[in-house]
Amino acid sequence: MQILTRVAQRPTPHDGEHLAISPDLVTERRGISLRAHPASRRAPPIQAAWRTQHAPEAARFQGRKVGAPAVSVQGLRAGIFDVDGVLLASPHERAWREALPGFADPNRFTTAMYQAQVAGKPRADGARAALEALGVPDAERQSVVYAGRKQARLEELIHAGAITAFPDALRFIQAMRTLGWPMAVASSSKNANQMMRPIRLASGQGLLDAFGANVCGRDLRHGKPDPEIFLLAAKELQVAPEHCFVAEDAPAGVAAARAGGMAALGVARLEDAALLHAAGADLVVTSLDDVALDELTHGRLRGRAA
């Protein structure tokens, strides 16, 4: 398989969906207690809706500078990374779209719809959410066939080499290794490991080998925006959630990080910084090169000075 190591060009989002922010949670999961967040980091209730219906919410963040932290985030010492949209430009979105004929018009499955309804979710949940958003009758039953068709198309695209690694992500992972920070990789996709396996860092080390914990594709009870996958990653790193940051490109993933009591680093590769801010991201960057590594050495999550 040929893995391209150039900067991936992903399509800009259409006007479409907006996923708002998770509420604070008080729960017990896998022995880890989640306390309500301080008021300074509190988020409004989560909801999936069209972006145009919630324009005022996103508009509040339109002027926020990319790279400017929402709050002072410190005490960090471990990183957890989503895969698609953060480390790799995978063909997931394309596979979902190309599996739609017979269910709905593929042209209606925009990048914005993918980000708001599907990205970050387990396959079955994503299939059902997409068909419901498209108004397909009997979406629950039809989602089983749609998910299977999408998976078959995804495997074809993977074997064809339709995967791009983001160079800034590979540089950031290498830098984190140099700092000696524990790292975990956490994707709902059961194909994530297969897509990452051929990729190597500049040092020659395999990308997968850079992570001390790998919870990709695990069969969990809850998908994002529930924080279960990130809490599991923190547990396997043996680092308390409040000392972890999560790098995510989807509002649902940002909401999951915040619900788990972790700092959220939003990666806005789709010109969607305002949505990631609105979802509760503590810092939003368009490239991981823009994270201040000197601040990370002191456990602080901040953007590089302009």
C-alpha atoms as a PDB file:
ATOM      1  CA  MET A   1       0.000   0.000   0.000  1.00  0.00           C
ATOM      2  CA  GLN A   2       1.307   3.433  -0.866  1.00  0.00           C
ATOM      3  CA  ILE A   3       0.965   5.933   1.968  1.00  0.00           C
ATOM      4  CA  LEU A   4       1.195   9.557   0.921  1.00  0.00           C
ATOM      5  CA  THR A   5       3.037  11.815   3.337  1.00  0.00           C
ATOM      6  CA  ARG A   6       2.041  15.155   1.914  1.00  0.00           C
ATOM      7  CA  VAL A   7      -0.326  17.597   3.513  1.00  0.00           C
ATOM      8  CA  ALA A   8      -3.803  16.230   2.991  1.00  0.00           C
ATOM      9  CA  GLN A   9      -6.299  18.471   1.281  1.00  0.00           C
ATOM     10  CA  ARG A  10      -9.734  17.795   2.702  1.00  0.00           C
ATOM     11  CA  PRO A  11     -12.845  19.442   1.299  1.00  0.00           C
ATOM     12  CA  THR A  12     -14.216  22.516   2.977  1.00  0.00           C
ATOM     13  CA  PRO A  13     -17.494  21.975   4.808  1.00  0.00           C
ATOM     14  CA  HIS A  14     -20.818  22.840   3.303  1.00  0.00           C
ATOM     15  CA  ASP A  15     -23.430  24.637   5.334  1.00  0.00           C
ATOM     16  CA  GLY A  16     -24.899  21.850   7.347  1.00  0.00           C
ATOM     17  CA  GLU A  17     -24.843  20.306  10.746  1.00  0.00           C
ATOM     18  CA  HIS A  18     -23.811  21.576  14.131  1.00  0.00           C
ATOM     19  CA  LEU A  19     -23.170  19.392  17.129  1.00  0.00           C
ATOM     20  CA  ALA A  20     -23.241  21.360  20.338  1.00  0.00           C
ATOM     21  CA  ILE A  21     -21.587  20.596  23.628  1.00  0.00           C
ATOM     22  CA  SER A  22     -21.879  17.792  26.154  1.00  0.00           C
ATOM     23  CA  PRO A  23     -23.265  18.504  29.605  1.00  0.00           C
ATOM     24  CA  ASP A  24     -21.147  17.897  32.673  1.00  0.00           C
ATOM     25  CA  LEU A  25     -21.511  14.330  33.791  1.00  0.00           C
ATOM     26  CA  VAL A  26     -21.551  12.748  37.206  1.00  0.00           C
ATOM     27  CA  THR A  27     -21.131   9.055  36.603  1.00  0.00           C
ATOM     28  CA  GLU A  28     -19.038   5.993  37.308  1.00  0.00           C
ATOM     29  CA  ARG A  29     -17.469   4.083  34.446  1.00  0.00           C
ATOM     30  CA  ARG A  30     -14.749   1.449  34.661  1.00  0.00           C
ATOM     31  CA  GLY A  31     -13.981   2.530  38.217  1.00  0.00           C
ATOM     32  CA  ILE A  32     -13.237   6.149  37.302  1.00  0.00           C
ATOM     33  CA  SER A  33     -15.357   8.850  38.867  1.00  0.00           C
ATOM     34  CA  LEU A  34     -16.270  11.870  36.777  1.00  0.00           C
ATOM     35  CA  ARG A  35     -16.987  15.032  38.701  1.00  0.00           C
ATOM     36  CA  ALA A  36     -18.864  18.040  37.410  1.00  0.00           C
ATOM     37  CA  HIS A  37     -16.517  20.478  35.707  1.00  0.00           C
ATOM     38  CA  PRO A  38     -15.791  23.879  37.254  1.00  0.00           C
ATOM     39  CA  ALA A  39     -18.098  26.631  36.095  1.00  0.00           C
ATOM     40  CA  SER A  40     -15.337  28.115  33.940  1.00  0.00           C
ATOM     41  CA  ARG A  41     -15.368  24.996  31.761  1.00  0.00           C
ATOM     42  CA  ARG A  42     -19.076  24.192  31.861  1.00  0.00           C
ATOM     43  CA  ALA A  43     -20.762  23.392  28.550  1.00  0.00           C
ATOM     44  CA  PRO A  44     -24.376  23.630  27.387  1.00  0.00           C
ATOM     45  CA  PRO A  45     -26.392  20.439  26.662  1.00  0.00           C
ATOM     46  CA  ILE A  46     -25.391  18.291  23.705  1.00  0.00           C
ATOM     47  CA  GLN A  47     -27.641  18.219  20.661  1.00  0.00           C
ATOM     48  CA  ALA A  48     -27.329  17.235  17.023  1.00  0.00           C
ATOM     49  CA  ALA A  49     -28.869  19.812  14.694  1.00  0.00           C
ATOM     50  CA  TRP A  50     -28.275  21.639  11.482  1.00  0.00           C
ATOM     51  CA  ARG A  51     -25.633  24.310  11.691  1.00  0.00           C
ATOM     52  CA  THR A  52     -27.951  26.914  10.198  1.00  0.00           C
ATOM     53  CA  GLN A  53     -30.468  26.301  12.976  1.00  0.00           C
ATOM     54  CA  HIS A  54     -27.818  27.116  15.568  1.00  0.00           C
ATOM     55  CA  ALA A  55     -25.945  29.902  13.815  1.00  0.00           C
ATOM     56  CA  PRO A  56     -26.013  32.175  16.896  1.00  0.00           C
ATOM     57  CA  GLU A  57     -24.165  29.554  18.954  1.00  0.00           C
ATOM     58  CA  ALA A  58     -21.337  29.173  16.455  1.00  0.00           C
ATOM     59  CA  ALA A  59     -21.343  32.905  15.730  1.00  0.00           C
ATOM     60  CA  ARG A  60     -20.324  33.610  19.323  1.00  0.00           C
ATOM     61  CA  PHE A  61     -17.016  31.900  18.554  1.00  0.00           C
ATOM     62  CA  GLN A  62     -16.407  33.202  15.037  1.00  0.00           C
ATOM     63  CA  GLY A  63     -14.097  35.918  16.300  1.00  0.00           C
ATOM     64  CA  ARG A  64     -12.055  33.685  18.571  1.00  0.00           C
ATOM     65  CA  LYS A  65      -8.499  33.455  17.355  1.00  0.00           C
ATOM     66  CA  VAL A  66      -7.321  30.031  16.272  1.00  0.00           C
ATOM     67  CA  GLY A  67      -4.504  29.021  18.604  1.00  0.00           C
ATOM     68  CA  ALA A  68      -5.865  31.019  21.548  1.00  0.00           C
ATOM     69  CA  PRO A  69      -6.812  28.788  24.498  1.00  0.00           C
ATOM     70  CA  ALA A  70     -10.300  29.179  25.923  1.00  0.00           C
ATOM     71  CA  VAL A  71      -8.984  28.731  29.468  1.00  0.00           C
ATOM     72  CA  SER A  72      -5.648  28.113  31.134  1.00  0.00           C
ATOM     73  CA  VAL A  73      -5.022  24.373  30.764  1.00  0.00           C
ATOM     74  CA  GLN A  74      -2.152  23.018  32.809  1.00  0.00           C
ATOM     75  CA  GLY A  75      -1.034  19.981  34.774  1.00  0.00           C
ATOM     76  CA  LEU A  76      -1.043  17.850  31.615  1.00  0.00           C
ATOM     77  CA  ARG A  77       1.335  14.958  31.067  1.00  0.00           C
ATOM     78  CA  ALA A  78      -0.276  12.581  28.532  1.00  0.00           C
ATOM     79  CA  GLY A  79      -1.931  12.819  25.127  1.00  0.00           C
ATOM     80  CA  ILE A  80      -4.768  10.811  23.548  1.00  0.00           C
ATOM     81  CA  PHE A  81      -5.284  10.970  19.781  1.00  0.00           C
ATOM     82  CA  ASP A  82      -8.209  10.318  17.503  1.00  0.00           C
ATOM     83  CA  VAL A  83      -7.154   8.945  14.091  1.00  0.00           C
ATOM     84  CA  ASP A  84      -9.317  10.081  11.170  1.00  0.00           C
ATOM     85  CA  GLY A  85      -8.961  13.827  10.679  1.00  0.00           C
ATOM     86  CA  VAL A  86      -6.201  14.151  13.282  1.00  0.00           C
ATOM     87  CA  LEU A  87      -3.486  11.679  12.271  1.00  0.00           C
ATOM     88  CA  LEU A  88      -4.830  10.479   8.922  1.00  0.00           C
ATOM     89  CA  ALA A  89      -7.102  11.641   6.142  1.00  0.00           C
ATOM     90  CA  SER A  90      -8.830   8.311   5.748  1.00  0.00           C
ATOM     91  CA  PRO A  91     -11.486   7.358   3.167  1.00  0.00           C
ATOM     92  CA  HIS A  92     -14.227   6.934   5.794  1.00  0.00           C
ATOM     93  CA  GLU A  93     -16.283   9.889   4.610  1.00  0.00           C
ATOM     94  CA  ARG A  94     -15.912   8.852   0.978  1.00  0.00           C
ATOM     95  CA  ALA A  95     -16.975   5.280   1.781  1.00  0.00           C
ATOM     96  CA  TRP A  96     -20.090   6.458   3.624  1.00  0.00           C
ATOM     97  CA  ARG A  97     -21.035   8.649   0.664  1.00  0.00           C
ATOM     98  CA  GLU A  98     -20.360   6.025  -2.005  1.00  0.00           C
ATOM     99  CA  ALA A  99     -22.425   3.447  -0.103  1.00  0.00           C
ATOM    100  CA  LEU A 100     -25.547   5.633  -0.196  1.00  0.00           C
ATOM    101  CA  PRO A 101     -27.060   4.867  -3.657  1.00  0.00           C
ATOM    102  CA  GLY A 102     -30.312   3.025  -3.110  1.00  0.00           C
ATOM    103  CA  PHE A 103     -30.838   4.732   0.241  1.00  0.00           C
ATOM    104  CA  ALA A 104     -30.508   8.442  -0.567  1.00  0.00           C
ATOM    105  CA  ASP A 105     -28.841  10.891  -2.930  1.00  0.00           C
ATOM    106  CA  PRO A 106     -25.082  10.740  -2.181  1.00  0.00           C
ATOM    107  CA  ASN A 107     -24.762  14.452  -2.995  1.00  0.00           C
ATOM    108  CA  ARG A 108     -26.779  15.224   0.127  1.00  0.00           C
ATOM    109  CA  PHE A 109     -24.118  13.580   2.289  1.00  0.00           C
ATOM    110  CA  THR A 110     -21.941  16.659   2.740  1.00  0.00           C
ATOM    111  CA  THR A 111     -18.725  16.970   4.704  1.00  0.00           C
ATOM    112  CA  ALA A 112     -20.634  19.008   7.276  1.00  0.00           C
ATOM    113  CA  MET A 113     -23.175  16.182   7.663  1.00  0.00           C
ATOM    114  CA  TYR A 114     -20.374  13.654   8.062  1.00  0.00           C
ATOM    115  CA  GLN A 115     -18.706  15.735  10.772  1.00  0.00           C
ATOM    116  CA  ALA A 116     -21.895  16.364  12.728  1.00  0.00           C
ATOM    117  CA  GLN A 117     -23.723  13.043  12.343  1.00  0.00           C
ATOM    118  CA  VAL A 118     -21.143  10.336  11.718  1.00  0.00           C
ATOM    119  CA  ALA A 119     -17.543  11.283  12.542  1.00  0.00           C
ATOM    120  CA  GLY A 120     -16.176   9.569  15.629  1.00  0.00           C
ATOM    121  CA  LYS A 121     -19.150   7.288  16.162  1.00  0.00           C
ATOM    122  CA  PRO A 122     -19.173   3.477  16.029  1.00  0.00           C
ATOM    123  CA  ARG A 123     -20.188   2.148  12.605  1.00  0.00           C
ATOM    124  CA  ALA A 124     -23.728   1.116  13.522  1.00  0.00           C
ATOM    125  CA  ASP A 125     -24.448   4.406  15.272  1.00  0.00           C
ATOM    126  CA  GLY A 126     -23.024   6.418  12.384  1.00  0.00           C
ATOM    127  CA  ALA A 127     -25.063   4.524   9.794  1.00  0.00           C
ATOM    128  CA  ARG A 128     -28.291   5.031  11.697  1.00  0.00           C
ATOM    129  CA  ALA A 129     -27.569   8.719  12.359  1.00  0.00           C
ATOM    130  CA  ALA A 130     -26.779   9.376   8.694  1.00  0.00           C
ATOM    131  CA  LEU A 131     -29.941   7.707   7.402  1.00  0.00           C
ATOM    132  CA  GLU A 132     -32.076   9.471   9.983  1.00  0.00           C
ATOM    133  CA  ALA A 133     -30.546  12.837   9.057  1.00  0.00           C
ATOM    134  CA  LEU A 134     -31.280  12.098   5.403  1.00  0.00           C
ATOM    135  CA  GLY A 135     -34.887  11.214   6.200  1.00  0.00           C
ATOM    136  CA  VAL A 136     -34.629   7.587   5.063  1.00  0.00           C
ATOM    137  CA  PRO A 137     -37.684   5.559   6.165  1.00  0.00           C
ATOM    138  CA  ASP A 138     -37.093   2.705   8.613  1.00  0.00           C
ATOM    139  CA  ALA A 139     -33.545   3.961   9.220  1.00  0.00           C
ATOM    140  CA  GLU A 140     -32.929   1.596  12.134  1.00  0.00           C
ATOM    141  CA  ARG A 141     -33.429  -1.534  10.014  1.00  0.00           C
ATOM    142  CA  GLN A 142     -31.825  -0.190   6.839  1.00  0.00           C
ATOM    143  CA  SER A 143     -28.758   1.022   8.716  1.00  0.00           C
ATOM    144  CA  VAL A 144     -27.549  -2.572   9.097  1.00  0.00           C
ATOM    145  CA  VAL A 145     -27.303  -3.006   5.325  1.00  0.00           C
ATOM    146  CA  TYR A 146     -25.905   0.491   4.847  1.00  0.00           C
ATOM    147  CA  ALA A 147     -23.166  -0.077   7.446  1.00  0.00           C
ATOM    148  CA  GLY A 148     -22.160  -3.346   5.785  1.00  0.00           C
ATOM    149  CA  ARG A 149     -22.030  -1.748   2.369  1.00  0.00           C
ATOM    150  CA  LYS A 150     -19.934   1.122   3.717  1.00  0.00           C
ATOM    151  CA  GLN A 151     -17.472  -1.286   5.350  1.00  0.00           C
ATOM    152  CA  ALA A 152     -16.998  -3.214   2.112  1.00  0.00           C
ATOM    153  CA  ARG A 153     -16.341   0.007   0.207  1.00  0.00           C
ATOM    154  CA  LEU A 154     -13.940   1.222   2.893  1.00  0.00           C
ATOM    155  CA  GLU A 155     -11.885  -1.958   2.665  1.00  0.00           C
ATOM    156  CA  GLU A 156     -11.646  -1.532  -1.110  1.00  0.00           C
ATOM    157  CA  LEU A 157     -10.380   2.023  -0.673  1.00  0.00           C
ATOM    158  CA  ILE A 158      -7.859   1.006   1.982  1.00  0.00           C
ATOM    159  CA  HIS A 159      -6.445  -1.719  -0.257  1.00  0.00           C
ATOM    160  CA  ALA A 160      -6.241   0.843  -3.073  1.00  0.00           C
ATOM    161  CA  GLY A 161      -4.043   3.045  -0.859  1.00  0.00           C
ATOM    162  CA  ALA A 162      -6.562   5.879  -0.399  1.00  0.00           C
ATOM    163  CA  ILE A 163      -4.981   7.000   2.869  1.00  0.00           C
ATOM    164  CA  THR A 164      -3.030  10.161   3.569  1.00  0.00           C
ATOM    165  CA  ALA A 165      -0.975  10.843   6.700  1.00  0.00           C
ATOM    166  CA  PHE A 166      -0.896  14.445   7.909  1.00  0.00           C
ATOM    167  CA  PRO A 167       2.797  15.473   8.106  1.00  0.00           C
ATOM    168  CA  ASP A 168       2.138  17.911  10.953  1.00  0.00           C
ATOM    169  CA  ALA A 169       0.598  15.066  12.962  1.00  0.00           C
ATOM    170  CA  LEU A 170       3.618  12.832  12.398  1.00  0.00           C
ATOM    171  CA  ARG A 171       5.930  15.663  13.482  1.00  0.00           C
ATOM    172  CA  PHE A 172       3.835  16.260  16.600  1.00  0.00           C
ATOM    173  CA  ILE A 173       3.832  12.590  17.585  1.00  0.00           C
ATOM    174  CA  GLN A 174       7.612  12.508  17.120  1.00  0.00           C
ATOM    175  CA  ALA A 175       7.977  15.614  19.292  1.00  0.00           C
ATOM    176  CA  MET A 176       5.786  14.083  21.989  1.00  0.00           C
ATOM    177  CA  ARG A 177       7.963  10.989  21.945  1.00  0.00           C
ATOM    178  CA  THR A 178      11.028  13.187  22.382  1.00  0.00           C
ATOM    179  CA  LEU A 179       9.379  14.853  25.391  1.00  0.00           C
ATOM    180  CA  GLY A 180       8.748  11.418  26.851  1.00  0.00           C
ATOM    181  CA  TRP A 181       4.997  11.905  27.177  1.00  0.00           C
ATOM    182  CA  PRO A 182       2.770   8.826  27.387  1.00  0.00           C
ATOM    183  CA  MET A 183       0.392   8.673  24.416  1.00  0.00           C
ATOM    184  CA  ALA A 184      -2.659   6.645  23.489  1.00  0.00           C
ATOM    185  CA  VAL A 185      -4.554   6.291  20.222  1.00  0.00           C
ATOM    186  CA  ALA A 186      -8.321   6.048  20.468  1.00  0.00           C
ATOM    187  CA  SER A 187     -10.603   5.626  17.467  1.00  0.00           C
ATOM    188  CA  SER A 188     -14.018   4.022  17.211  1.00  0.00           C
ATOM    189  CA  SER A 189     -13.017   2.601  13.827  1.00  0.00           C
ATOM    190  CA  LYS A 190     -12.140  -1.083  13.657  1.00  0.00           C
ATOM    191  CA  ASN A 191     -10.021  -0.235  10.601  1.00  0.00           C
ATOM    192  CA  ALA A 192      -7.820   2.313  12.353  1.00  0.00           C
ATOM    193  CA  ASN A 193      -4.961  -0.059  13.146  1.00  0.00           C
ATOM    194  CA  GLN A 194      -4.899  -1.417   9.606  1.00  0.00           C
ATOM    195  CA  MET A 195      -4.675   2.116   8.212  1.00  0.00           C
ATOM    196  CA  MET A 196      -1.924   3.208  10.600  1.00  0.00           C
ATOM    197  CA  ARG A 197       0.210   0.081  10.435  1.00  0.00           C
ATOM    198  CA  PRO A 198       2.283   0.983   7.301  1.00  0.00           C
ATOM    199  CA  ILE A 199       3.007   4.562   8.416  1.00  0.00           C
ATOM    200  CA  ARG A 200       6.356   5.500   9.885  1.00  0.00           C
ATOM    201  CA  LEU A 201       7.660   8.552  11.687  1.00  0.00           C
ATOM    202  CA  ALA A 202      10.775  10.426  10.565  1.00  0.00           C
ATOM    203  CA  SER A 203      12.774   8.393  13.103  1.00  0.00           C
ATOM    204  CA  GLY A 204      11.788   5.198  11.271  1.00  0.00           C
ATOM    205  CA  GLN A 205       9.571   4.036  14.117  1.00  0.00           C
ATOM    206  CA  GLY A 206       6.148   2.759  13.154  1.00  0.00           C
ATOM    207  CA  LEU A 207       3.313   5.110  14.024  1.00  0.00           C
ATOM    208  CA  LEU A 208       1.465   2.400  15.954  1.00  0.00           C
ATOM    209  CA  ASP A 209       4.570   1.691  18.040  1.00  0.00           C
ATOM    210  CA  ALA A 210       4.644   5.299  19.258  1.00  0.00           C
ATOM    211  CA  PHE A 211       1.604   4.739  21.476  1.00  0.00           C
ATOM    212  CA  GLY A 212       1.741   3.181  24.908  1.00  0.00           C
ATOM    213  CA  ALA A 213      -1.954   2.339  24.751  1.00  0.00           C
ATOM    214  CA  ASN A 214      -4.183   1.490  21.801  1.00  0.00           C
ATOM    215  CA  VAL A 215      -7.946   1.253  22.285  1.00  0.00           C
ATOM    216  CA  CYS A 216      -8.949   1.558  18.625  1.00  0.00           C
ATOM    217  CA  GLY A 217     -11.916  -0.516  17.513  1.00  0.00           C
ATOM    218  CA  ARG A 218     -12.756  -1.844  20.968  1.00  0.00           C
ATOM    219  CA  ASP A 219     -16.304  -3.050  21.525  1.00  0.00           C
ATOM    220  CA  LEU A 220     -17.557  -0.506  24.039  1.00  0.00           C
ATOM    221  CA  ARG A 221     -20.994   0.145  25.474  1.00  0.00           C
ATOM    222  CA  HIS A 222     -21.098   3.775  24.399  1.00  0.00           C
ATOM    223  CA  GLY A 223     -19.760   5.792  21.479  1.00  0.00           C
ATOM    224  CA  LYS A 224     -18.801   9.450  21.363  1.00  0.00           C
ATOM    225  CA  PRO A 225     -19.895  11.928  22.663  1.00  0.00           C
ATOM    226  CA  ASP A 226     -19.837   9.562  25.647  1.00  0.00           C
ATOM    227  CA  PRO A 227     -16.273   9.642  27.071  1.00  0.00           C
ATOM    228  CA  GLU A 228     -15.925   5.859  27.533  1.00  0.00           C
ATOM    229  CA  ILE A 229     -13.215   5.355  24.894  1.00  0.00           C
ATOM    230  CA  PHE A 230     -11.075   8.200  26.226  1.00  0.00           C
ATOM    231  CA  LEU A 231     -11.487   7.123  29.861  1.00  0.00           C
ATOM    232  CA  LEU A 232     -10.363   3.640  28.843  1.00  0.00           C
ATOM    233  CA  ALA A 233      -7.310   5.109  27.091  1.00  0.00           C
ATOM    234  CA  ALA A 234      -6.377   7.132  30.179  1.00  0.00           C
ATOM    235  CA  LYS A 235      -6.826   4.074  32.367  1.00  0.00           C
ATOM    236  CA  GLU A 236      -4.522   1.977  30.171  1.00  0.00           C
ATOM    237  CA  LEU A 237      -1.934   4.770  30.238  1.00  0.00           C
ATOM    238  CA  GLN A 238      -2.312   4.818  34.032  1.00  0.00           C
ATOM    239  CA  VAL A 239      -2.773   8.583  33.933  1.00  0.00           C
ATOM    240  CA  ALA A 240      -5.699  10.370  35.591  1.00  0.00           C
ATOM    241  CA  PRO A 241      -8.107  11.920  33.055  1.00  0.00           C
ATOM    242  CA  GLU A 242      -7.499  15.450  34.314  1.00  0.00           C
ATOM    243  CA  HIS A 243      -3.835  15.109  33.324  1.00  0.00           C
ATOM    244  CA  CYS A 244      -4.646  14.141  29.708  1.00  0.00           C
ATOM    245  CA  PHE A 245      -5.450  16.124  26.610  1.00  0.00           C
ATOM    246  CA  VAL A 246      -7.401  14.668  23.696  1.00  0.00           C
ATOM    247  CA  ALA A 247      -6.680  15.692  20.089  1.00  0.00           C
ATOM    248  CA  GLU A 248      -9.941  15.576  18.105  1.00  0.00           C
ATOM    249  CA  ASP A 249     -11.312  16.996  14.859  1.00  0.00           C
ATOM    250  CA  ALA A 250     -15.018  16.316  15.450  1.00  0.00           C
ATOM    251  CA  PRO A 251     -17.428  18.137  17.769  1.00  0.00           C
ATOM    252  CA  ALA A 252     -18.608  14.795  19.170  1.00  0.00           C
ATOM    253  CA  GLY A 253     -15.017  13.906  20.087  1.00  0.00           C
ATOM    254  CA  VAL A 254     -14.394  17.285  21.709  1.00  0.00           C
ATOM    255  CA  ALA A 255     -17.601  16.851  23.704  1.00  0.00           C
ATOM    256  CA  ALA A 256     -16.463  13.364  24.773  1.00  0.00           C
ATOM    257  CA  ALA A 257     -13.105  14.680  25.979  1.00  0.00           C
ATOM    258  CA  ARG A 258     -14.769  17.423  27.996  1.00  0.00           C
ATOM    259  CA  ALA A 259     -17.310  14.999  29.449  1.00  0.00           C
ATOM    260  CA  GLY A 260     -14.405  12.846  30.628  1.00  0.00           C
ATOM    261  CA  GLY A 261     -12.778  15.747  32.449  1.00  0.00           C
ATOM    262  CA  MET A 262      -9.921  16.015  29.941  1.00  0.00           C
ATOM    263  CA  ALA A 263      -8.518  18.979  28.048  1.00  0.00           C
ATOM    264  CA  ALA A 264      -9.676  19.107  24.424  1.00  0.00           C
ATOM    265  CA  LEU A 265      -7.360  20.063  21.569  1.00  0.00           C
ATOM    266  CA  GLY A 266      -9.454  20.783  18.489  1.00  0.00           C
ATOM    267  CA  VAL A 267      -7.829  20.218  15.093  1.00  0.00           C
ATOM    268  CA  ALA A 268      -9.742  22.349  12.586  1.00  0.00           C
ATOM    269  CA  ARG A 269      -8.691  20.984   9.209  1.00  0.00           C
ATOM    270  CA  LEU A 270     -12.113  21.741   7.700  1.00  0.00           C
ATOM    271  CA  GLU A 271     -12.365  25.461   8.466  1.00  0.00           C
ATOM    272  CA  ASP A 272     -14.603  24.531  11.395  1.00  0.00           C
ATOM    273  CA  ALA A 273     -12.738  26.203  14.253  1.00  0.00           C
ATOM    274  CA  ALA A 274     -15.882  27.971  15.481  1.00  0.00           C
ATOM    275  CA  LEU A 275     -17.734  24.651  15.818  1.00  0.00           C
ATOM    276  CA  LEU A 276     -14.877  23.074  17.768  1.00  0.00           C
ATOM    277  CA  HIS A 277     -14.712  26.089  20.067  1.00  0.00           C
ATOM    278  CA  ALA A 278     -18.481  25.887  20.516  1.00  0.00           C
ATOM    279  CA  ALA A 279     -18.165  22.184  21.395  1.00  0.00           C
ATOM    280  CA  GLY A 280     -15.864  23.144  24.252  1.00  0.00           C
ATOM    281  CA  ALA A 281     -12.322  22.812  22.869  1.00  0.00           C
ATOM    282  CA  ASP A 282      -9.731  24.378  25.156  1.00  0.00           C
ATOM    283  CA  LEU A 283      -7.434  25.101  22.228  1.00  0.00           C
ATOM    284  CA  VAL A 284      -8.147  24.978  18.487  1.00  0.00           C
ATOM    285  CA  VAL A 285      -5.416  24.844  15.838  1.00  0.00           C
ATOM    286  CA  THR A 286      -5.483  24.274  12.104  1.00  0.00           C
ATOM    287  CA  SER A 287      -2.202  22.351  12.261  1.00  0.00           C
ATOM    288  CA  LEU A 288      -0.564  20.465  15.114  1.00  0.00           C
ATOM    289  CA  ASP A 289       2.579  22.436  14.254  1.00  0.00           C
ATOM    290  CA  ASP A 290       0.783  25.341  15.966  1.00  0.00           C
ATOM    291  CA  VAL A 291       0.795  23.724  19.415  1.00  0.00           C
ATOM    292  CA  ALA A 292       3.498  25.282  21.626  1.00  0.00           C
ATOM    293  CA  LEU A 293       5.846  22.423  22.502  1.00  0.00           C
ATOM    294  CA  ASP A 294       7.751  24.562  25.011  1.00  0.00           C
ATOM    295  CA  GLU A 295       4.504  25.032  26.935  1.00  0.00           C
ATOM    296  CA  LEU A 296       3.802  21.295  26.844  1.00  0.00           C
ATOM    297  CA  THR A 297       7.096  20.673  28.645  1.00  0.00           C
ATOM    298  CA  HIS A 298       5.478  22.531  31.560  1.00  0.00           C
ATOM    299  CA  GLY A 299       2.188  20.673  31.217  1.00  0.00           C
ATOM    300  CA  ARG A 300       0.353  23.555  29.563  1.00  0.00           C
ATOM    301  CA  LEU A 301      -1.748  23.386  26.391  1.00  0.00           C
ATOM    302  CA  ARG A 302      -1.267  26.586  24.406  1.00  0.00           C
ATOM    303  CA  GLY A 303      -0.833  27.718  20.830  1.00  0.00           C
ATOM    304  CA  ARG A 304       2.444  29.023  19.430  1.00  0.00           C
ATOM    305  CA  ALA A 305       2.877  32.772  19.496  1.00  0.00           C
ATOM    306  CA  ALA A 306       2.235  34.370  16.109  1.00  0.00           C
END
